[in-house]
Amino acid sequence: MASALLRKATVGGSAAAAAARWASRGLASVGSGSDIVSAAPGVSLQKARSWDEGVATNFSTTPLKDIFHGKKVVIFGLPGAYTGVCSQAHVPSYKNNIDKLKAKGVDSVICVSVNDPYALNGWAEKLQAKDAIEFYGDFDGSFHKSLDLEVDLSAALLGRRSHRWSAFVDDGKIKAFNVEVAPSDFKVSGAEVILDQI
């Protein structure tokens, strides 16, 4: 049922052509060759942490340039913490392939979701993934809005969230970009796909 509801929020077509379709229809403002920092000017993300850590850091945020400049980064976005495909497949695909990604010269693997950093922190701990993956909240959705990757998942009681996607970014420049046809799909945004694109 949830999968059917999530599919209603997306355009149809084959998963293999999803990223190309997004770019060609203007559904995403980024694609291969784009500068991810310039695409989201002034946007910062919130590193996953406990409430006490948030208070201790005066609720600090991390500018995108600090995340991407001078680094090779694999980043993946997903609809939400504690949701089905995100917990059962998307995050585990990166956690289970972290050594292969690092062997290809990737400096960091980042998961970003339209969630607060405290929920993301609890979720990352539950998945035992914090040692392998950096988790960042996009609490107000501004990052995903800037990239035109926002989707309304109110039918599944999630509100405005992110499409499921992945990218390989080298010094801020997107080298590979993948977007699923539906947020419930998991065909092109996993670690196995991005490994072949690095």
C-alpha atoms as a PDB file:
ATOM      1  CA  MET A   1       0.000   0.000   0.000  1.00  0.00           C
ATOM      2  CA  ALA A   2       2.724   2.487   0.953  1.00  0.00           C
ATOM      3  CA  SER A   3       4.618   1.675  -2.250  1.00  0.00           C
ATOM      4  CA  ALA A   4       1.528   2.388  -4.331  1.00  0.00           C
ATOM      5  CA  LEU A   5       1.007   5.713  -2.570  1.00  0.00           C
ATOM      6  CA  LEU A   6       4.630   6.739  -3.084  1.00  0.00           C
ATOM      7  CA  ARG A   7       4.465   5.846  -6.774  1.00  0.00           C
ATOM      8  CA  LYS A   8       1.528   8.253  -7.271  1.00  0.00           C
ATOM      9  CA  ALA A   9       3.845  11.173  -6.533  1.00  0.00           C
ATOM     10  CA  THR A  10       6.238  10.415  -9.401  1.00  0.00           C
ATOM     11  CA  VAL A  11       6.493  10.380 -13.159  1.00  0.00           C
ATOM     12  CA  GLY A  12       6.335   7.045 -14.994  1.00  0.00           C
ATOM     13  CA  GLY A  13       8.952   5.264 -17.089  1.00  0.00           C
ATOM     14  CA  SER A  14      11.910   2.932 -16.799  1.00  0.00           C
ATOM     15  CA  ALA A  15      14.283   3.159 -13.853  1.00  0.00           C
ATOM     16  CA  ALA A  16      17.351   3.096 -16.092  1.00  0.00           C
ATOM     17  CA  ALA A  17      16.331   6.363 -17.749  1.00  0.00           C
ATOM     18  CA  ALA A  18      15.217   8.131 -14.559  1.00  0.00           C
ATOM     19  CA  ALA A  19      18.115  10.575 -14.108  1.00  0.00           C
ATOM     20  CA  ALA A  20      18.160  11.517 -17.796  1.00  0.00           C
ATOM     21  CA  ARG A  21      14.403  12.112 -17.738  1.00  0.00           C
ATOM     22  CA  TRP A  22      14.693  14.317 -14.651  1.00  0.00           C
ATOM     23  CA  ALA A  23      17.316  16.490 -16.314  1.00  0.00           C
ATOM     24  CA  SER A  24      15.592  16.615 -19.721  1.00  0.00           C
ATOM     25  CA  ARG A  25      12.228  17.591 -18.234  1.00  0.00           C
ATOM     26  CA  GLY A  26      13.792  20.149 -15.947  1.00  0.00           C
ATOM     27  CA  LEU A  27      12.635  18.181 -12.908  1.00  0.00           C
ATOM     28  CA  ALA A  28      16.035  18.484 -11.241  1.00  0.00           C
ATOM     29  CA  SER A  29      18.167  21.595 -11.387  1.00  0.00           C
ATOM     30  CA  VAL A  30      21.354  19.503 -11.235  1.00  0.00           C
ATOM     31  CA  GLY A  31      22.941  16.717 -13.218  1.00  0.00           C
ATOM     32  CA  SER A  32      26.360  15.477 -14.233  1.00  0.00           C
ATOM     33  CA  GLY A  33      28.696  18.463 -14.570  1.00  0.00           C
ATOM     34  CA  SER A  34      26.719  20.712 -12.199  1.00  0.00           C
ATOM     35  CA  ASP A  35      28.284  22.324  -9.148  1.00  0.00           C
ATOM     36  CA  ILE A  36      26.225  21.071  -6.208  1.00  0.00           C
ATOM     37  CA  VAL A  37      27.253  23.980  -3.954  1.00  0.00           C
ATOM     38  CA  SER A  38      26.266  26.626  -6.528  1.00  0.00           C
ATOM     39  CA  ALA A  39      22.956  24.830  -7.132  1.00  0.00           C
ATOM     40  CA  ALA A  40      21.985  25.374  -3.484  1.00  0.00           C
ATOM     41  CA  PRO A  41      23.419  28.806  -2.582  1.00  0.00           C
ATOM     42  CA  GLY A  42      23.451  29.641   1.102  1.00  0.00           C
ATOM     43  CA  VAL A  43      22.167  26.215   2.120  1.00  0.00           C
ATOM     44  CA  SER A  44      23.634  24.397   5.114  1.00  0.00           C
ATOM     45  CA  LEU A  45      22.906  20.923   6.447  1.00  0.00           C
ATOM     46  CA  GLN A  46      22.681  19.722  10.028  1.00  0.00           C
ATOM     47  CA  LYS A  47      24.999  16.887  11.053  1.00  0.00           C
ATOM     48  CA  ALA A  48      23.180  14.072  12.902  1.00  0.00           C
ATOM     49  CA  ARG A  49      23.646  14.412  16.659  1.00  0.00           C
ATOM     50  CA  SER A  50      21.943  14.107  20.000  1.00  0.00           C
ATOM     51  CA  TRP A  51      19.958  17.007  21.434  1.00  0.00           C
ATOM     52  CA  ASP A  52      22.704  17.664  23.996  1.00  0.00           C
ATOM     53  CA  GLU A  53      25.310  17.816  21.212  1.00  0.00           C
ATOM     54  CA  GLY A  54      23.070  20.269  19.389  1.00  0.00           C
ATOM     55  CA  VAL A  55      22.850  22.505  22.433  1.00  0.00           C
ATOM     56  CA  ALA A  56      26.630  22.274  23.030  1.00  0.00           C
ATOM     57  CA  THR A  57      27.316  23.428  19.446  1.00  0.00           C
ATOM     58  CA  ASN A  58      24.694  26.206  19.518  1.00  0.00           C
ATOM     59  CA  PHE A  59      22.705  24.221  16.935  1.00  0.00           C
ATOM     60  CA  SER A  60      25.460  24.697  14.358  1.00  0.00           C
ATOM     61  CA  THR A  61      24.995  23.822  10.712  1.00  0.00           C
ATOM     62  CA  THR A  62      27.494  22.768   8.051  1.00  0.00           C
ATOM     63  CA  PRO A  63      27.808  24.818   4.840  1.00  0.00           C
ATOM     64  CA  LEU A  64      27.793  22.730   1.669  1.00  0.00           C
ATOM     65  CA  LYS A  65      31.240  24.006   0.694  1.00  0.00           C
ATOM     66  CA  ASP A  66      32.666  22.401   3.852  1.00  0.00           C
ATOM     67  CA  ILE A  67      31.138  19.077   2.857  1.00  0.00           C
ATOM     68  CA  PHE A  68      32.167  19.020  -0.817  1.00  0.00           C
ATOM     69  CA  HIS A  69      35.120  21.281  -1.632  1.00  0.00           C
ATOM     70  CA  GLY A  70      38.409  19.453  -2.135  1.00  0.00           C
ATOM     71  CA  LYS A  71      36.800  16.054  -1.465  1.00  0.00           C
ATOM     72  CA  LYS A  72      35.419  13.052  -3.303  1.00  0.00           C
ATOM     73  CA  VAL A  73      31.971  12.463  -1.864  1.00  0.00           C
ATOM     74  CA  VAL A  74      29.224   9.953  -2.485  1.00  0.00           C
ATOM     75  CA  ILE A  75      25.921  11.418  -1.339  1.00  0.00           C
ATOM     76  CA  PHE A  76      22.526   9.787  -1.331  1.00  0.00           C
ATOM     77  CA  GLY A  77      19.146  11.244  -0.468  1.00  0.00           C
ATOM     78  CA  LEU A  78      16.099   9.385   0.710  1.00  0.00           C
ATOM     79  CA  PRO A  79      12.516  10.097   1.781  1.00  0.00           C
ATOM     80  CA  GLY A  80      12.935   9.605   5.514  1.00  0.00           C
ATOM     81  CA  ALA A  81      14.461   8.029   8.564  1.00  0.00           C
ATOM     82  CA  TYR A  82      12.773   4.883   9.877  1.00  0.00           C
ATOM     83  CA  THR A  83      10.950   4.224   6.589  1.00  0.00           C
ATOM     84  CA  GLY A  84      10.889   0.863   4.797  1.00  0.00           C
ATOM     85  CA  VAL A  85      13.189   0.930   1.751  1.00  0.00           C
ATOM     86  CA  CYS A  86      15.450   3.507   3.401  1.00  0.00           C
ATOM     87  CA  SER A  87      16.082   1.273   6.426  1.00  0.00           C
ATOM     88  CA  GLN A  88      16.012  -2.133   4.745  1.00  0.00           C
ATOM     89  CA  ALA A  89      17.942  -1.443   1.528  1.00  0.00           C
ATOM     90  CA  HIS A  90      19.264   2.061   0.833  1.00  0.00           C
ATOM     91  CA  VAL A  91      21.419   2.730   3.904  1.00  0.00           C
ATOM     92  CA  PRO A  92      22.573  -0.916   4.195  1.00  0.00           C
ATOM     93  CA  SER A  93      23.787  -0.864   0.578  1.00  0.00           C
ATOM     94  CA  TYR A  94      26.244   1.917   1.456  1.00  0.00           C
ATOM     95  CA  LYS A  95      27.156   0.536   4.866  1.00  0.00           C
ATOM     96  CA  ASN A  96      27.947  -2.865   3.339  1.00  0.00           C
ATOM     97  CA  ASN A  97      30.046  -1.349   0.530  1.00  0.00           C
ATOM     98  CA  ILE A  98      31.952   1.300   2.496  1.00  0.00           C
ATOM     99  CA  ASP A  99      35.331  -0.450   2.084  1.00  0.00           C
ATOM    100  CA  LYS A 100      34.868  -0.689  -1.692  1.00  0.00           C
ATOM    101  CA  LEU A 101      33.930   3.003  -1.881  1.00  0.00           C
ATOM    102  CA  LYS A 102      36.944   4.040   0.209  1.00  0.00           C
ATOM    103  CA  ALA A 103      39.197   1.850  -1.979  1.00  0.00           C
ATOM    104  CA  LYS A 104      38.030   3.953  -4.958  1.00  0.00           C
ATOM    105  CA  GLY A 105      39.241   7.125  -3.230  1.00  0.00           C
ATOM    106  CA  VAL A 106      35.945   8.322  -1.776  1.00  0.00           C
ATOM    107  CA  ASP A 107      36.605  10.586   1.220  1.00  0.00           C
ATOM    108  CA  SER A 108      33.112  10.443   2.677  1.00  0.00           C
ATOM    109  CA  VAL A 109      29.730   8.819   2.153  1.00  0.00           C
ATOM    110  CA  ILE A 110      26.814  11.016   3.143  1.00  0.00           C
ATOM    111  CA  CYS A 111      23.135  10.273   3.694  1.00  0.00           C
ATOM    112  CA  VAL A 112      20.817  13.293   3.623  1.00  0.00           C
ATOM    113  CA  SER A 113      17.114  13.325   4.405  1.00  0.00           C
ATOM    114  CA  VAL A 114      14.356  15.837   5.143  1.00  0.00           C
ATOM    115  CA  ASN A 115      14.499  15.115   8.870  1.00  0.00           C
ATOM    116  CA  ASP A 116      15.814  16.855  11.941  1.00  0.00           C
ATOM    117  CA  PRO A 117      19.362  15.872  12.941  1.00  0.00           C
ATOM    118  CA  TYR A 118      18.159  14.251  16.190  1.00  0.00           C
ATOM    119  CA  ALA A 119      15.820  11.749  14.513  1.00  0.00           C
ATOM    120  CA  LEU A 120      18.564  10.991  11.984  1.00  0.00           C
ATOM    121  CA  ASN A 121      21.031  10.405  14.808  1.00  0.00           C
ATOM    122  CA  GLY A 122      18.758   7.861  16.509  1.00  0.00           C
ATOM    123  CA  TRP A 123      18.083   6.134  13.204  1.00  0.00           C
ATOM    124  CA  ALA A 124      21.787   5.980  12.259  1.00  0.00           C
ATOM    125  CA  GLU A 125      22.574   4.454  15.662  1.00  0.00           C
ATOM    126  CA  LYS A 126      19.776   1.904  15.278  1.00  0.00           C
ATOM    127  CA  LEU A 127      21.174   0.896  11.862  1.00  0.00           C
ATOM    128  CA  GLN A 128      24.707   0.804  13.326  1.00  0.00           C
ATOM    129  CA  ALA A 129      25.815   2.927  10.384  1.00  0.00           C
ATOM    130  CA  LYS A 130      27.312   6.047  12.006  1.00  0.00           C
ATOM    131  CA  ASP A 131      30.881   4.763  11.790  1.00  0.00           C
ATOM    132  CA  ALA A 132      30.616   4.241   8.027  1.00  0.00           C
ATOM    133  CA  ILE A 133      28.239   6.968   6.833  1.00  0.00           C
ATOM    134  CA  GLU A 134      27.859  10.650   7.739  1.00  0.00           C
ATOM    135  CA  PHE A 135      24.192  11.543   8.247  1.00  0.00           C
ATOM    136  CA  TYR A 136      22.905  15.077   7.638  1.00  0.00           C
ATOM    137  CA  GLY A 137      19.463  16.533   8.153  1.00  0.00           C
ATOM    138  CA  ASP A 138      17.802  18.886   5.692  1.00  0.00           C
ATOM    139  CA  PHE A 139      15.296  19.898   8.352  1.00  0.00           C
ATOM    140  CA  ASP A 140      13.381  22.425   6.257  1.00  0.00           C
ATOM    141  CA  GLY A 141      13.901  20.736   2.877  1.00  0.00           C
ATOM    142  CA  SER A 142      15.827  23.721   1.470  1.00  0.00           C
ATOM    143  CA  PHE A 143      18.631  21.566   0.060  1.00  0.00           C
ATOM    144  CA  HIS A 144      16.264  19.276  -1.807  1.00  0.00           C
ATOM    145  CA  LYS A 145      14.087  22.208  -2.936  1.00  0.00           C
ATOM    146  CA  SER A 146      17.177  23.893  -4.405  1.00  0.00           C
ATOM    147  CA  LEU A 147      18.023  20.752  -6.362  1.00  0.00           C
ATOM    148  CA  ASP A 148      14.382  20.264  -7.457  1.00  0.00           C
ATOM    149  CA  LEU A 149      14.364  16.894  -5.695  1.00  0.00           C
ATOM    150  CA  GLU A 150      11.465  17.628  -3.357  1.00  0.00           C
ATOM    151  CA  VAL A 151       8.343  15.492  -3.554  1.00  0.00           C
ATOM    152  CA  ASP A 152       4.998  15.642  -1.747  1.00  0.00           C
ATOM    153  CA  LEU A 153       4.509  12.334   0.067  1.00  0.00           C
ATOM    154  CA  SER A 154       1.487  13.449   2.079  1.00  0.00           C
ATOM    155  CA  ALA A 155      -0.414  10.399   0.811  1.00  0.00           C
ATOM    156  CA  ALA A 156       1.958   8.302   2.949  1.00  0.00           C
ATOM    157  CA  LEU A 157       1.705  10.808   5.858  1.00  0.00           C
ATOM    158  CA  LEU A 158       5.281  12.032   5.264  1.00  0.00           C
ATOM    159  CA  GLY A 159       4.588  15.533   3.925  1.00  0.00           C
ATOM    160  CA  ARG A 160       7.212  17.205   1.722  1.00  0.00           C
ATOM    161  CA  ARG A 161      10.285  14.978   1.419  1.00  0.00           C
ATOM    162  CA  SER A 162      13.097  14.026  -0.930  1.00  0.00           C
ATOM    163  CA  HIS A 163      13.088  11.775  -3.930  1.00  0.00           C
ATOM    164  CA  ARG A 164      15.430   8.789  -3.641  1.00  0.00           C
ATOM    165  CA  TRP A 165      18.711   9.648  -5.379  1.00  0.00           C
ATOM    166  CA  SER A 166      22.496   9.337  -5.347  1.00  0.00           C
ATOM    167  CA  ALA A 167      25.482  11.230  -6.727  1.00  0.00           C
ATOM    168  CA  PHE A 168      29.244  11.057  -6.935  1.00  0.00           C
ATOM    169  CA  VAL A 169      30.680  14.530  -6.359  1.00  0.00           C
ATOM    170  CA  ASP A 170      34.337  15.462  -6.908  1.00  0.00           C
ATOM    171  CA  ASP A 171      35.353  18.868  -5.493  1.00  0.00           C
ATOM    172  CA  GLY A 172      31.764  20.083  -5.718  1.00  0.00           C
ATOM    173  CA  LYS A 173      31.211  18.915  -9.310  1.00  0.00           C
ATOM    174  CA  ILE A 174      28.628  16.196  -9.883  1.00  0.00           C
ATOM    175  CA  LYS A 175      30.243  13.362 -11.854  1.00  0.00           C
ATOM    176  CA  ALA A 176      27.344  10.878 -11.646  1.00  0.00           C
ATOM    177  CA  PHE A 177      23.694  11.488 -10.745  1.00  0.00           C
ATOM    178  CA  ASN A 178      20.908   8.927 -10.284  1.00  0.00           C
ATOM    179  CA  VAL A 179      17.249   9.462  -9.420  1.00  0.00           C
ATOM    180  CA  GLU A 180      14.701   6.717  -8.853  1.00  0.00           C
ATOM    181  CA  VAL A 181      11.425   6.801 -10.806  1.00  0.00           C
ATOM    182  CA  ALA A 182       9.458   6.496  -7.541  1.00  0.00           C
ATOM    183  CA  PRO A 183      10.603   7.135  -3.954  1.00  0.00           C
ATOM    184  CA  SER A 184       9.711   3.518  -3.154  1.00  0.00           C
ATOM    185  CA  ASP A 185      12.014   2.194  -5.918  1.00  0.00           C
ATOM    186  CA  PHE A 186      15.550   1.035  -5.263  1.00  0.00           C
ATOM    187  CA  LYS A 187      17.093   0.334  -8.660  1.00  0.00           C
ATOM    188  CA  VAL A 188      19.575   3.098  -9.541  1.00  0.00           C
ATOM    189  CA  SER A 189      20.490   4.890  -6.308  1.00  0.00           C
ATOM    190  CA  GLY A 190      22.283   2.142  -4.367  1.00  0.00           C
ATOM    191  CA  ALA A 191      25.990   1.774  -3.665  1.00  0.00           C
ATOM    192  CA  GLU A 192      26.385  -1.012  -6.229  1.00  0.00           C
ATOM    193  CA  VAL A 193      25.402   1.383  -9.036  1.00  0.00           C
ATOM    194  CA  ILE A 194      27.536   4.316  -7.867  1.00  0.00           C
ATOM    195  CA  LEU A 195      30.565   2.044  -7.459  1.00  0.00           C
ATOM    196  CA  ASP A 196      30.496   1.382 -11.200  1.00  0.00           C
ATOM    197  CA  GLN A 197      30.245   5.127 -11.891  1.00  0.00           C
ATOM    198  CA  ILE A 198      33.339   6.203  -9.933  1.00  0.00           C
END
